[in-house]
Amino acid sequence: MDIQLKRGILDVCVLKVLAGGDSYGYQIIKDLSDHVKISESTLYPILKRLEAAGALTVYSREHNGRLRKYYSITDVGRERIKVFLSEWDEVMRAYDFIKEERH
Protein backbone atom coordinates (compact mmCIF):
# COMPACT_ATOMS: atom_id res chain seq x y z
CA MET A 1 0.00 0.00 0.00
CA ASP A 2 1.21 3.49 -0.80
CA ILE A 3 2.90 4.92 2.31
CA GLN A 4 1.04 8.27 2.14
CA LEU A 5 -2.33 6.61 1.74
CA LYS A 6 -1.59 4.19 4.57
CA ARG A 7 -0.40 7.04 6.80
CA GLY A 8 -3.61 8.96 6.23
CA ILE A 9 -5.75 5.93 6.95
CA LEU A 10 -3.84 5.08 10.13
CA ASP A 11 -4.11 8.67 11.35
CA VAL A 12 -7.88 8.56 11.00
CA CYS A 13 -8.08 5.11 12.61
CA VAL A 14 -6.26 6.46 15.68
CA LEU A 15 -8.56 9.47 15.78
CA LYS A 16 -11.59 7.18 15.53
CA VAL A 17 -10.42 5.24 18.59
CA LEU A 18 -10.02 8.50 20.50
CA ALA A 19 -13.47 9.66 19.37
CA GLY A 20 -14.75 6.91 21.67
CA GLY A 21 -12.91 8.37 24.66
CA ASP A 22 -9.46 9.28 25.93
CA SER A 23 -6.92 6.49 25.74
CA TYR A 24 -3.23 5.61 26.01
CA GLY A 25 -0.79 4.00 23.58
CA TYR A 26 -1.11 0.32 24.45
CA GLN A 27 -4.90 0.53 24.61
CA ILE A 28 -5.07 2.30 21.24
CA ILE A 29 -3.03 -0.52 19.67
CA LYS A 30 -5.30 -3.08 21.33
CA ASP A 31 -8.46 -1.27 20.15
CA LEU A 32 -7.16 -1.20 16.58
CA SER A 33 -5.87 -4.78 16.53
CA ASP A 34 -9.06 -6.31 15.10
CA HIS A 35 -9.04 -3.80 12.23
CA VAL A 36 -5.49 -2.65 11.52
CA LYS A 37 -2.10 -3.99 12.49
CA ILE A 38 -0.06 -1.23 14.10
CA SER A 39 3.07 -1.33 16.24
CA GLU A 40 4.28 1.02 18.95
CA SER A 41 7.01 2.25 16.61
CA THR A 42 4.31 3.27 14.14
CA LEU A 43 1.76 4.57 16.65
CA TYR A 44 3.87 7.06 18.59
CA PRO A 45 5.00 9.07 15.55
CA ILE A 46 1.34 9.19 14.47
CA LEU A 47 0.33 10.50 17.90
CA LYS A 48 3.06 13.17 17.78
CA ARG A 49 2.04 14.21 14.27
CA LEU A 50 -1.64 14.43 15.26
CA GLU A 51 -0.76 16.44 18.35
CA ALA A 52 1.33 18.87 16.27
CA ALA A 53 -1.61 19.25 13.90
CA GLY A 54 -3.96 20.08 16.78
CA ALA A 55 -6.03 16.92 16.20
CA LEU A 56 -5.41 15.65 19.73
CA THR A 57 -4.13 16.76 23.09
CA VAL A 58 -1.97 14.90 25.59
CA TYR A 59 -2.09 14.78 29.36
CA SER A 60 -0.53 12.56 32.02
CA ARG A 61 -2.25 10.66 34.80
CA GLU A 62 -0.82 8.38 37.45
CA HIS A 63 -1.50 4.68 37.00
CA ASN A 64 0.00 2.08 39.33
CA GLY A 65 2.55 4.58 40.62
CA ARG A 66 3.70 5.67 37.16
CA LEU A 67 2.67 8.48 34.89
CA ARG A 68 0.79 7.36 31.80
CA LYS A 69 0.20 9.60 28.78
CA TYR A 70 -3.40 9.87 27.68
CA TYR A 71 -4.57 11.21 24.34
CA SER A 72 -7.79 13.12 23.75
CA ILE A 73 -9.34 14.03 20.39
CA THR A 74 -10.03 17.70 19.66
CA ASP A 75 -12.58 19.35 17.40
CA VAL A 76 -9.85 19.50 14.74
CA GLY A 77 -9.48 15.72 15.01
CA ARG A 78 -13.23 15.16 14.77
CA GLU A 79 -13.33 17.37 11.68
CA ARG A 80 -10.48 15.38 10.16
CA ILE A 81 -12.55 12.19 10.49
CA LYS A 82 -15.49 13.90 8.76
CA VAL A 83 -13.31 15.15 5.91
CA PHE A 84 -11.74 11.71 5.47
CA LEU A 85 -15.16 10.08 5.23
CA SER A 86 -16.43 12.65 2.74
CA GLU A 87 -13.35 12.15 0.54
CA TRP A 88 -13.44 8.35 0.76
CA ASP A 89 -16.29 8.13 -1.76
CA GLU A 90 -13.98 9.70 -4.34
CA VAL A 91 -11.22 7.22 -3.48
CA MET A 92 -13.64 4.33 -3.92
CA ARG A 93 -14.77 5.64 -7.33
CA ALA A 94 -11.10 5.73 -8.40
CA TYR A 95 -10.61 2.21 -7.00
CA ASP A 96 -13.62 0.93 -8.93
CA PHE A 97 -12.29 2.55 -12.12
CA ILE A 98 -8.82 1.04 -11.67
CA LYS A 99 -10.21 -2.40 -10.88
CA GLU A 100 -12.62 -2.36 -13.82
CA GLU A 101 -11.61 -4.68 -16.64
CA ARG A 102 -11.46 -3.00 -20.02
CA HIS A 103 -10.85 -4.67 -23.33
PDB file of N, CA and C in Angstrom:
ATOM      1  N   MET A   1       0.855  -1.179   0.000  1.00  0.00           N
ATOM      2  CA  MET A   1       0.000   0.000   0.000  1.00  0.00           C
ATOM      3  C   MET A   1       0.895   1.234   0.000  1.00  0.00           C
ATOM      4  N   ASP A   2       0.493   2.228  -0.746  1.00  0.00           N
ATOM      5  CA  ASP A   2       1.215   3.488  -0.799  1.00  0.00           C
ATOM      6  C   ASP A   2       1.381   4.051   0.610  1.00  0.00           C
ATOM      7  N   ILE A   3       2.589   4.473   0.953  1.00  0.00           N
ATOM      8  CA  ILE A   3       2.898   4.921   2.313  1.00  0.00           C
ATOM      9  C   ILE A   3       2.062   6.131   2.721  1.00  0.00           C
ATOM     10  N   GLN A   4       1.836   7.070   1.807  1.00  0.00           N
ATOM     11  CA  GLN A   4       1.044   8.265   2.141  1.00  0.00           C
ATOM     12  C   GLN A   4      -0.417   7.910   2.390  1.00  0.00           C
ATOM     13  N   LEU A   5      -0.947   7.040   1.562  1.00  0.00           N
ATOM     14  CA  LEU A   5      -2.334   6.609   1.743  1.00  0.00           C
ATOM     15  C   LEU A   5      -2.478   5.853   3.064  1.00  0.00           C
ATOM     16  N   LYS A   6      -1.542   4.949   3.328  1.00  0.00           N
ATOM     17  CA  LYS A   6      -1.590   4.185   4.569  1.00  0.00           C
ATOM     18  C   LYS A   6      -1.465   5.108   5.776  1.00  0.00           C
ATOM     19  N   ARG A   7      -0.576   6.093   5.696  1.00  0.00           N
ATOM     20  CA  ARG A   7      -0.398   7.039   6.799  1.00  0.00           C
ATOM     21  C   ARG A   7      -1.696   7.777   7.089  1.00  0.00           C
ATOM     22  N   GLY A   8      -2.351   8.250   6.041  1.00  0.00           N
ATOM     23  CA  GLY A   8      -3.608   8.964   6.226  1.00  0.00           C
ATOM     24  C   GLY A   8      -4.687   8.097   6.838  1.00  0.00           C
ATOM     25  N   ILE A   9      -4.746   6.849   6.401  1.00  0.00           N
ATOM     26  CA  ILE A   9      -5.746   5.926   6.948  1.00  0.00           C
ATOM     27  C   ILE A   9      -5.451   5.632   8.414  1.00  0.00           C
ATOM     28  N   LEU A  10      -4.193   5.363   8.740  1.00  0.00           N
ATOM     29  CA  LEU A  10      -3.837   5.077  10.131  1.00  0.00           C
ATOM     30  C   LEU A  10      -4.111   6.269  11.038  1.00  0.00           C
ATOM     31  N   ASP A  11      -3.822   7.461  10.556  1.00  0.00           N
ATOM     32  CA  ASP A  11      -4.110   8.667  11.346  1.00  0.00           C
ATOM     33  C   ASP A  11      -5.586   8.715  11.731  1.00  0.00           C
ATOM     34  N   VAL A  12      -6.435   8.492  10.756  1.00  0.00           N
ATOM     35  CA  VAL A  12      -7.878   8.564  11.004  1.00  0.00           C
ATOM     36  C   VAL A  12      -8.341   7.404  11.881  1.00  0.00           C
ATOM     37  N   CYS A  13      -7.738   6.242  11.740  1.00  0.00           N
ATOM     38  CA  CYS A  13      -8.076   5.114  12.615  1.00  0.00           C
ATOM     39  C   CYS A  13      -7.762   5.450  14.073  1.00  0.00           C
ATOM     40  N   VAL A  14      -6.619   6.064  14.314  1.00  0.00           N
ATOM     41  CA  VAL A  14      -6.256   6.462  15.676  1.00  0.00           C
ATOM     42  C   VAL A  14      -7.250   7.498  16.190  1.00  0.00           C
ATOM     43  N   LEU A  15      -7.592   8.459  15.364  1.00  0.00           N
ATOM     44  CA  LEU A  15      -8.561   9.474  15.784  1.00  0.00           C
ATOM     45  C   LEU A  15      -9.919   8.842  16.085  1.00  0.00           C
ATOM     46  N   LYS A  16     -10.304   7.852  15.303  1.00  0.00           N
ATOM     47  CA  LYS A  16     -11.592   7.183  15.529  1.00  0.00           C
ATOM     48  C   LYS A  16     -11.608   6.485  16.883  1.00  0.00           C
ATOM     49  N   VAL A  17     -10.496   5.850  17.263  1.00  0.00           N
ATOM     50  CA  VAL A  17     -10.417   5.235  18.586  1.00  0.00           C
ATOM     51  C   VAL A  17     -10.619   6.304  19.654  1.00  0.00           C
ATOM     52  N   LEU A  18      -9.939   7.430  19.496  1.00  0.00           N
ATOM     53  CA  LEU A  18     -10.022   8.497  20.497  1.00  0.00           C
ATOM     54  C   LEU A  18     -11.386   9.179  20.506  1.00  0.00           C
ATOM     55  N   ALA A  19     -12.115   9.099  19.403  1.00  0.00           N
ATOM     56  CA  ALA A  19     -13.467   9.656  19.374  1.00  0.00           C
ATOM     57  C   ALA A  19     -14.371   8.911  20.352  1.00  0.00           C
ATOM     58  N   GLY A  20     -13.991   7.702  20.697  1.00  0.00           N
ATOM     59  CA  GLY A  20     -14.748   6.907  21.667  1.00  0.00           C
ATOM     60  C   GLY A  20     -14.367   7.201  23.109  1.00  0.00           C
ATOM     61  N   GLY A  21     -13.337   8.009  23.317  1.00  0.00           N
ATOM     62  CA  GLY A  21     -12.905   8.369  24.658  1.00  0.00           C
ATOM     63  C   GLY A  21     -11.393   8.431  24.749  1.00  0.00           C
ATOM     64  N   ASP A  22     -10.899   9.150  25.723  1.00  0.00           N
ATOM     65  CA  ASP A  22      -9.461   9.283  25.929  1.00  0.00           C
ATOM     66  C   ASP A  22      -8.827   7.913  26.116  1.00  0.00           C
ATOM     67  N   SER A  23      -7.592   7.775  25.644  1.00  0.00           N
ATOM     68  CA  SER A  23      -6.916   6.491  25.743  1.00  0.00           C
ATOM     69  C   SER A  23      -5.412   6.693  25.776  1.00  0.00           C
ATOM     70  N   TYR A  24      -4.693   5.596  25.952  1.00  0.00           N
ATOM     71  CA  TYR A  24      -3.232   5.613  26.012  1.00  0.00           C
ATOM     72  C   TYR A  24      -2.702   4.637  24.957  1.00  0.00           C
ATOM     73  N   GLY A  25      -1.399   4.730  24.687  1.00  0.00           N
ATOM     74  CA  GLY A  25      -0.792   4.005  23.578  1.00  0.00           C
ATOM     75  C   GLY A  25      -1.136   2.539  23.469  1.00  0.00           C
ATOM     76  N   TYR A  26      -0.862   1.761  24.504  1.00  0.00           N
ATOM     77  CA  TYR A  26      -1.109   0.323  24.448  1.00  0.00           C
ATOM     78  C   TYR A  26      -2.580   0.022  24.172  1.00  0.00           C
ATOM     79  N   GLN A  27      -3.468   0.765  24.807  1.00  0.00           N
ATOM     80  CA  GLN A  27      -4.900   0.527  24.613  1.00  0.00           C
ATOM     81  C   GLN A  27      -5.329   0.886  23.193  1.00  0.00           C
ATOM     82  N   ILE A  28      -4.751   1.939  22.626  1.00  0.00           N
ATOM     83  CA  ILE A  28      -5.066   2.299  21.238  1.00  0.00           C
ATOM     84  C   ILE A  28      -4.673   1.157  20.311  1.00  0.00           C
ATOM     85  N   ILE A  29      -3.480   0.615  20.497  1.00  0.00           N
ATOM     86  CA  ILE A  29      -3.028  -0.519  19.674  1.00  0.00           C
ATOM     87  C   ILE A  29      -3.995  -1.688  19.830  1.00  0.00           C
ATOM     88  N   LYS A  30      -4.378  -1.980  21.047  1.00  0.00           N
ATOM     89  CA  LYS A  30      -5.304  -3.083  21.326  1.00  0.00           C
ATOM     90  C   LYS A  30      -6.663  -2.838  20.660  1.00  0.00           C
ATOM     91  N   ASP A  31      -7.167  -1.598  20.747  1.00  0.00           N
ATOM     92  CA  ASP A  31      -8.465  -1.274  20.147  1.00  0.00           C
ATOM     93  C   ASP A  31      -8.435  -1.372  18.622  1.00  0.00           C
ATOM     94  N   LEU A  32      -7.282  -1.132  18.033  1.00  0.00           N
ATOM     95  CA  LEU A  32      -7.157  -1.204  16.575  1.00  0.00           C
ATOM     96  C   LEU A  32      -6.866  -2.611  16.073  1.00  0.00           C
ATOM     97  N   SER A  33      -6.413  -3.491  16.945  1.00  0.00           N
ATOM     98  CA  SER A  33      -5.867  -4.781  16.531  1.00  0.00           C
ATOM     99  C   SER A  33      -6.818  -5.646  15.700  1.00  0.00           C
ATOM    100  N   ASP A  34      -8.112  -5.527  15.899  1.00  0.00           N
ATOM    101  CA  ASP A  34      -9.058  -6.305  15.097  1.00  0.00           C
ATOM    102  C   ASP A  34      -9.264  -5.720  13.701  1.00  0.00           C
ATOM    103  N   HIS A  35      -8.784  -4.500  13.491  1.00  0.00           N
ATOM    104  CA  HIS A  35      -9.044  -3.795  12.235  1.00  0.00           C
ATOM    105  C   HIS A  35      -7.779  -3.493  11.441  1.00  0.00           C
ATOM    106  N   VAL A  36      -6.732  -3.092  12.154  1.00  0.00           N
ATOM    107  CA  VAL A  36      -5.488  -2.653  11.520  1.00  0.00           C
ATOM    108  C   VAL A  36      -4.326  -3.111  12.382  1.00  0.00           C
ATOM    109  N   LYS A  37      -3.303  -3.616  11.740  1.00  0.00           N
ATOM    110  CA  LYS A  37      -2.100  -3.991  12.489  1.00  0.00           C
ATOM    111  C   LYS A  37      -1.221  -2.748  12.612  1.00  0.00           C
ATOM    112  N   ILE A  38      -0.865  -2.404  13.845  1.00  0.00           N
ATOM    113  CA  ILE A  38      -0.056  -1.225  14.098  1.00  0.00           C
ATOM    114  C   ILE A  38       0.857  -1.512  15.288  1.00  0.00           C
ATOM    115  N   SER A  39       2.097  -1.103  15.174  1.00  0.00           N
ATOM    116  CA  SER A  39       3.071  -1.328  16.240  1.00  0.00           C
ATOM    117  C   SER A  39       3.294  -0.041  17.019  1.00  0.00           C
ATOM    118  N   GLU A  40       3.946  -0.162  18.163  1.00  0.00           N
ATOM    119  CA  GLU A  40       4.281   1.025  18.948  1.00  0.00           C
ATOM    120  C   GLU A  40       5.168   1.969  18.147  1.00  0.00           C
ATOM    121  N   SER A  41       6.097   1.404  17.385  1.00  0.00           N
ATOM    122  CA  SER A  41       7.012   2.254  16.612  1.00  0.00           C
ATOM    123  C   SER A  41       6.292   3.005  15.495  1.00  0.00           C
ATOM    124  N   THR A  42       5.133   2.547  15.114  1.00  0.00           N
ATOM    125  CA  THR A  42       4.306   3.267  14.139  1.00  0.00           C
ATOM    126  C   THR A  42       3.353   4.217  14.851  1.00  0.00           C
ATOM    127  N   LEU A  43       2.772   3.772  15.955  1.00  0.00           N
ATOM    128  CA  LEU A  43       1.759   4.569  16.650  1.00  0.00           C
ATOM    129  C   LEU A  43       2.297   5.887  17.207  1.00  0.00           C
ATOM    130  N   TYR A  44       3.414   5.853  17.898  1.00  0.00           N
ATOM    131  CA  TYR A  44       3.865   7.064  18.589  1.00  0.00           C
ATOM    132  C   TYR A  44       4.223   8.212  17.652  1.00  0.00           C
ATOM    133  N   PRO A  45       4.830   7.966  16.498  1.00  0.00           N
ATOM    134  CA  PRO A  45       5.001   9.074  15.546  1.00  0.00           C
ATOM    135  C   PRO A  45       3.658   9.627  15.037  1.00  0.00           C
ATOM    136  N   ILE A  46       2.675   8.743  14.879  1.00  0.00           N
ATOM    137  CA  ILE A  46       1.336   9.195  14.472  1.00  0.00           C
ATOM    138  C   ILE A  46       0.757  10.111  15.545  1.00  0.00           C
ATOM    139  N   LEU A  47       0.862   9.688  16.799  1.00  0.00           N
ATOM    140  CA  LEU A  47       0.327  10.500  17.896  1.00  0.00           C
ATOM    141  C   LEU A  47       1.021  11.861  17.959  1.00  0.00           C
ATOM    142  N   LYS A  48       2.329  11.886  17.774  1.00  0.00           N
ATOM    143  CA  LYS A  48       3.059  13.167  17.780  1.00  0.00           C
ATOM    144  C   LYS A  48       2.621  14.047  16.622  1.00  0.00           C
ATOM    145  N   ARG A  49       2.467  13.452  15.445  1.00  0.00           N
ATOM    146  CA  ARG A  49       2.041  14.206  14.267  1.00  0.00           C
ATOM    147  C   ARG A  49       0.632  14.772  14.468  1.00  0.00           C
ATOM    148  N   LEU A  50      -0.268  13.968  15.015  1.00  0.00           N
ATOM    149  CA  LEU A  50      -1.637  14.427  15.257  1.00  0.00           C
ATOM    150  C   LEU A  50      -1.684  15.517  16.324  1.00  0.00           C
ATOM    151  N   GLU A  51      -0.830  15.392  17.331  1.00  0.00           N
ATOM    152  CA  GLU A  51      -0.761  16.438  18.353  1.00  0.00           C
ATOM    153  C   GLU A  51      -0.261  17.747  17.741  1.00  0.00           C
ATOM    154  N   ALA A  52       0.781  17.667  16.922  1.00  0.00           N
ATOM    155  CA  ALA A  52       1.332  18.867  16.272  1.00  0.00           C
ATOM    156  C   ALA A  52       0.308  19.534  15.360  1.00  0.00           C
ATOM    157  N   ALA A  53      -0.575  18.728  14.784  1.00  0.00           N
ATOM    158  CA  ALA A  53      -1.614  19.253  13.897  1.00  0.00           C
ATOM    159  C   ALA A  53      -2.830  19.773  14.659  1.00  0.00           C
ATOM    160  N   GLY A  54      -2.830  19.610  15.971  1.00  0.00           N
ATOM    161  CA  GLY A  54      -3.957  20.078  16.779  1.00  0.00           C
ATOM    162  C   GLY A  54      -5.138  19.132  16.789  1.00  0.00           C
ATOM    163  N   ALA A  55      -4.938  17.893  16.284  1.00  0.00           N
ATOM    164  CA  ALA A  55      -6.031  16.922  16.202  1.00  0.00           C
ATOM    165  C   ALA A  55      -6.252  16.184  17.517  1.00  0.00           C
ATOM    166  N   LEU A  56      -5.263  16.258  18.412  1.00  0.00           N
ATOM    167  CA  LEU A  56      -5.414  15.651  19.728  1.00  0.00           C
ATOM    168  C   LEU A  56      -4.577  16.405  20.744  1.00  0.00           C
ATOM    169  N   THR A  57      -4.906  16.194  21.996  1.00  0.00           N
ATOM    170  CA  THR A  57      -4.127  16.762  23.094  1.00  0.00           C
ATOM    171  C   THR A  57      -3.623  15.613  23.954  1.00  0.00           C
ATOM    172  N   VAL A  58      -2.610  15.911  24.748  1.00  0.00           N
ATOM    173  CA  VAL A  58      -1.972  14.897  25.588  1.00  0.00           C
ATOM    174  C   VAL A  58      -1.956  15.385  27.024  1.00  0.00           C
ATOM    175  N   TYR A  59      -2.226  14.467  27.937  1.00  0.00           N
ATOM    176  CA  TYR A  59      -2.086  14.781  29.358  1.00  0.00           C
ATOM    177  C   TYR A  59      -1.600  13.525  30.068  1.00  0.00           C
ATOM    178  N   SER A  60      -1.042  13.690  31.245  1.00  0.00           N
ATOM    179  CA  SER A  60      -0.533  12.558  32.020  1.00  0.00           C
ATOM    180  C   SER A  60      -1.398  12.329  33.245  1.00  0.00           C
ATOM    181  N   ARG A  61      -1.505  11.052  33.609  1.00  0.00           N
ATOM    182  CA  ARG A  61      -2.249  10.665  34.796  1.00  0.00           C
ATOM    183  C   ARG A  61      -1.503   9.499  35.436  1.00  0.00           C
ATOM    184  N   GLU A  62      -1.500   9.471  36.748  1.00  0.00           N
ATOM    185  CA  GLU A  62      -0.821   8.384  37.446  1.00  0.00           C
ATOM    186  C   GLU A  62      -1.622   7.104  37.327  1.00  0.00           C
ATOM    187  N   HIS A  63      -0.899   6.007  37.078  1.00  0.00           N
ATOM    188  CA  HIS A  63      -1.504   4.680  36.999  1.00  0.00           C
ATOM    189  C   HIS A  63      -0.503   3.692  37.582  1.00  0.00           C
ATOM    190  N   ASN A  64      -0.879   3.030  38.652  1.00  0.00           N
ATOM    191  CA  ASN A  64       0.004   2.076  39.335  1.00  0.00           C
ATOM    192  C   ASN A  64       1.361   2.691  39.690  1.00  0.00           C
ATOM    193  N   GLY A  65       1.338   3.915  40.170  1.00  0.00           N
ATOM    194  CA  GLY A  65       2.551   4.580  40.617  1.00  0.00           C
ATOM    195  C   GLY A  65       3.410   5.178  39.522  1.00  0.00           C
ATOM    196  N   ARG A  66       2.959   5.101  38.294  1.00  0.00           N
ATOM    197  CA  ARG A  66       3.704   5.665  37.162  1.00  0.00           C
ATOM    198  C   ARG A  66       2.809   6.610  36.393  1.00  0.00           C
ATOM    199  N   LEU A  67       3.438   7.575  35.744  1.00  0.00           N
ATOM    200  CA  LEU A  67       2.666   8.476  34.891  1.00  0.00           C
ATOM    201  C   LEU A  67       2.410   7.811  33.546  1.00  0.00           C
ATOM    202  N   ARG A  68       1.178   7.909  33.097  1.00  0.00           N
ATOM    203  CA  ARG A  68       0.794   7.360  31.800  1.00  0.00           C
ATOM    204  C   ARG A  68       0.260   8.509  30.956  1.00  0.00           C
ATOM    205  N   LYS A  69       0.688   8.574  29.699  1.00  0.00           N
ATOM    206  CA  LYS A  69       0.198   9.603  28.778  1.00  0.00           C
ATOM    207  C   LYS A  69      -1.141   9.175  28.200  1.00  0.00           C
ATOM    208  N   TYR A  70      -2.085  10.077  28.278  1.00  0.00           N
ATOM    209  CA  TYR A  70      -3.402   9.869  27.679  1.00  0.00           C
ATOM    210  C   TYR A  70      -3.585  10.847  26.536  1.00  0.00           C
ATOM    211  N   TYR A  71      -4.330  10.413  25.534  1.00  0.00           N
ATOM    212  CA  TYR A  71      -4.572  11.214  24.342  1.00  0.00           C
ATOM    213  C   TYR A  71      -6.072  11.464  24.230  1.00  0.00           C
ATOM    214  N   SER A  72      -6.396  12.697  23.843  1.00  0.00           N
ATOM    215  CA  SER A  72      -7.788  13.119  23.748  1.00  0.00           C
ATOM    216  C   SER A  72      -8.003  13.811  22.401  1.00  0.00           C
ATOM    217  N   ILE A  73      -9.042  13.421  21.683  1.00  0.00           N
ATOM    218  CA  ILE A  73      -9.336  14.034  20.389  1.00  0.00           C
ATOM    219  C   ILE A  73      -9.850  15.451  20.584  1.00  0.00           C
ATOM    220  N   THR A  74      -9.535  16.321  19.649  1.00  0.00           N
ATOM    221  CA  THR A  74     -10.027  17.697  19.662  1.00  0.00           C
ATOM    222  C   THR A  74     -11.069  17.867  18.560  1.00  0.00           C
ATOM    223  N   ASP A  75     -11.638  19.056  18.491  1.00  0.00           N
ATOM    224  CA  ASP A  75     -12.576  19.350  17.404  1.00  0.00           C
ATOM    225  C   ASP A  75     -11.884  19.254  16.041  1.00  0.00           C
ATOM    226  N   VAL A  76     -10.623  19.619  15.988  1.00  0.00           N
ATOM    227  CA  VAL A  76      -9.854  19.499  14.740  1.00  0.00           C
ATOM    228  C   VAL A  76      -9.769  18.021  14.334  1.00  0.00           C
ATOM    229  N   GLY A  77      -9.537  17.149  15.292  1.00  0.00           N
ATOM    230  CA  GLY A  77      -9.481  15.718  15.011  1.00  0.00           C
ATOM    231  C   GLY A  77     -10.817  15.168  14.545  1.00  0.00           C
ATOM    232  N   ARG A  78     -11.888  15.605  15.186  1.00  0.00           N
ATOM    233  CA  ARG A  78     -13.232  15.161  14.766  1.00  0.00           C
ATOM    234  C   ARG A  78     -13.525  15.627  13.337  1.00  0.00           C
ATOM    235  N   GLU A  79     -13.125  16.841  13.028  1.00  0.00           N
ATOM    236  CA  GLU A  79     -13.330  17.369  11.676  1.00  0.00           C
ATOM    237  C   GLU A  79     -12.508  16.566  10.665  1.00  0.00           C
ATOM    238  N   ARG A  80     -11.330  16.162  11.056  1.00  0.00           N
ATOM    239  CA  ARG A  80     -10.477  15.377  10.155  1.00  0.00           C
ATOM    240  C   ARG A  80     -11.142  14.050   9.806  1.00  0.00           C
ATOM    241  N   ILE A  81     -11.808  13.427  10.766  1.00  0.00           N
ATOM    242  CA  ILE A  81     -12.546  12.193  10.486  1.00  0.00           C
ATOM    243  C   ILE A  81     -13.652  12.475   9.476  1.00  0.00           C
ATOM    244  N   LYS A  82     -14.398  13.551   9.683  1.00  0.00           N
ATOM    245  CA  LYS A  82     -15.494  13.902   8.765  1.00  0.00           C
ATOM    246  C   LYS A  82     -14.980  14.139   7.353  1.00  0.00           C
ATOM    247  N   VAL A  83     -13.884  14.867   7.230  1.00  0.00           N
ATOM    248  CA  VAL A  83     -13.306  15.149   5.913  1.00  0.00           C
ATOM    249  C   VAL A  83     -12.855  13.853   5.250  1.00  0.00           C
ATOM    250  N   PHE A  84     -12.187  12.994   6.006  1.00  0.00           N
ATOM    251  CA  PHE A  84     -11.739  11.710   5.471  1.00  0.00           C
ATOM    252  C   PHE A  84     -12.917  10.925   4.914  1.00  0.00           C
ATOM    253  N   LEU A  85     -13.991  10.840   5.672  1.00  0.00           N
ATOM    254  CA  LEU A  85     -15.161  10.078   5.230  1.00  0.00           C
ATOM    255  C   LEU A  85     -15.794  10.693   3.988  1.00  0.00           C
ATOM    256  N   SER A  86     -15.832  12.007   3.922  1.00  0.00           N
ATOM    257  CA  SER A  86     -16.428  12.652   2.743  1.00  0.00           C
ATOM    258  C   SER A  86     -15.560  12.445   1.504  1.00  0.00           C
ATOM    259  N   GLU A  87     -14.255  12.349   1.680  1.00  0.00           N
ATOM    260  CA  GLU A  87     -13.352  12.149   0.543  1.00  0.00           C
ATOM    261  C   GLU A  87     -13.243  10.681   0.144  1.00  0.00           C
ATOM    262  N   TRP A  88     -13.613   9.774   1.039  1.00  0.00           N
ATOM    263  CA  TRP A  88     -13.444   8.354   0.764  1.00  0.00           C
ATOM    264  C   TRP A  88     -14.288   7.892  -0.417  1.00  0.00           C
ATOM    265  N   ASP A  89     -15.455   8.492  -0.615  1.00  0.00           N
ATOM    266  CA  ASP A  89     -16.290   8.127  -1.758  1.00  0.00           C
ATOM    267  C   ASP A  89     -15.525   8.336  -3.063  1.00  0.00           C
ATOM    268  N   GLU A  90     -14.770   9.415  -3.147  1.00  0.00           N
ATOM    269  CA  GLU A  90     -13.980   9.697  -4.342  1.00  0.00           C
ATOM    270  C   GLU A  90     -12.875   8.645  -4.518  1.00  0.00           C
ATOM    271  N   VAL A  91     -12.254   8.257  -3.428  1.00  0.00           N
ATOM    272  CA  VAL A  91     -11.219   7.220  -3.477  1.00  0.00           C
ATOM    273  C   VAL A  91     -11.827   5.917  -3.987  1.00  0.00           C
ATOM    274  N   MET A  92     -13.004   5.571  -3.499  1.00  0.00           N
ATOM    275  CA  MET A  92     -13.644   4.328  -3.920  1.00  0.00           C
ATOM    276  C   MET A  92     -14.051   4.371  -5.396  1.00  0.00           C
ATOM    277  N   ARG A  93     -14.462   5.524  -5.899  1.00  0.00           N
ATOM    278  CA  ARG A  93     -14.766   5.637  -7.331  1.00  0.00           C
ATOM    279  C   ARG A  93     -13.497   5.407  -8.147  1.00  0.00           C
ATOM    280  N   ALA A  94     -12.379   5.952  -7.703  1.00  0.00           N
ATOM    281  CA  ALA A  94     -11.104   5.727  -8.396  1.00  0.00           C
ATOM    282  C   ALA A  94     -10.721   4.255  -8.329  1.00  0.00           C
ATOM    283  N   TYR A  95     -10.903   3.641  -7.163  1.00  0.00           N
ATOM    284  CA  TYR A  95     -10.615   2.211  -6.997  1.00  0.00           C
ATOM    285  C   TYR A  95     -11.444   1.381  -7.975  1.00  0.00           C
ATOM    286  N   ASP A  96     -12.736   1.661  -8.039  1.00  0.00           N
ATOM    287  CA  ASP A  96     -13.618   0.928  -8.933  1.00  0.00           C
ATOM    288  C   ASP A  96     -13.171   1.081 -10.393  1.00  0.00           C
ATOM    289  N   PHE A  97     -12.765   2.289 -10.770  1.00  0.00           N
ATOM    290  CA  PHE A  97     -12.287   2.548 -12.122  1.00  0.00           C
ATOM    291  C   PHE A  97     -11.027   1.738 -12.416  1.00  0.00           C
ATOM    292  N   ILE A  98     -10.084   1.741 -11.484  1.00  0.00           N
ATOM    293  CA  ILE A  98      -8.821   1.042 -11.671  1.00  0.00           C
ATOM    294  C   ILE A  98      -9.052  -0.467 -11.749  1.00  0.00           C
ATOM    295  N   LYS A  99      -9.944  -0.963 -10.945  1.00  0.00           N
ATOM    296  CA  LYS A  99     -10.212  -2.405 -10.881  1.00  0.00           C
ATOM    297  C   LYS A  99     -10.998  -2.897 -12.096  1.00  0.00           C
ATOM    298  N   GLU A 100     -11.760  -2.003 -12.701  1.00  0.00           N
ATOM    299  CA  GLU A 100     -12.624  -2.363 -13.819  1.00  0.00           C
ATOM    300  C   GLU A 100     -11.804  -2.950 -14.970  1.00  0.00           C
ATOM    301  N   GLU A 101     -12.290  -4.057 -15.496  1.00  0.00           N
ATOM    302  CA  GLU A 101     -11.615  -4.678 -16.637  1.00  0.00           C
ATOM    303  C   GLU A 101     -12.099  -4.008 -17.909  1.00  0.00           C
ATOM    304  N   ARG A 102     -11.149  -3.609 -18.721  1.00  0.00           N
ATOM    305  CA  ARG A 102     -11.458  -2.999 -20.018  1.00  0.00           C
ATOM    306  C   ARG A 102     -10.760  -3.797 -21.106  1.00  0.00           C
ATOM    307  N   HIS A 103     -11.428  -3.898 -22.217  1.00  0.00           N
ATOM    308  CA  HIS A 103     -10.852  -4.674 -23.327  1.00  0.00           C
ATOM    309  C   HIS A 103     -10.418  -3.780 -24.423  1.00  0.00           C
TER     310      HIS A 103
END
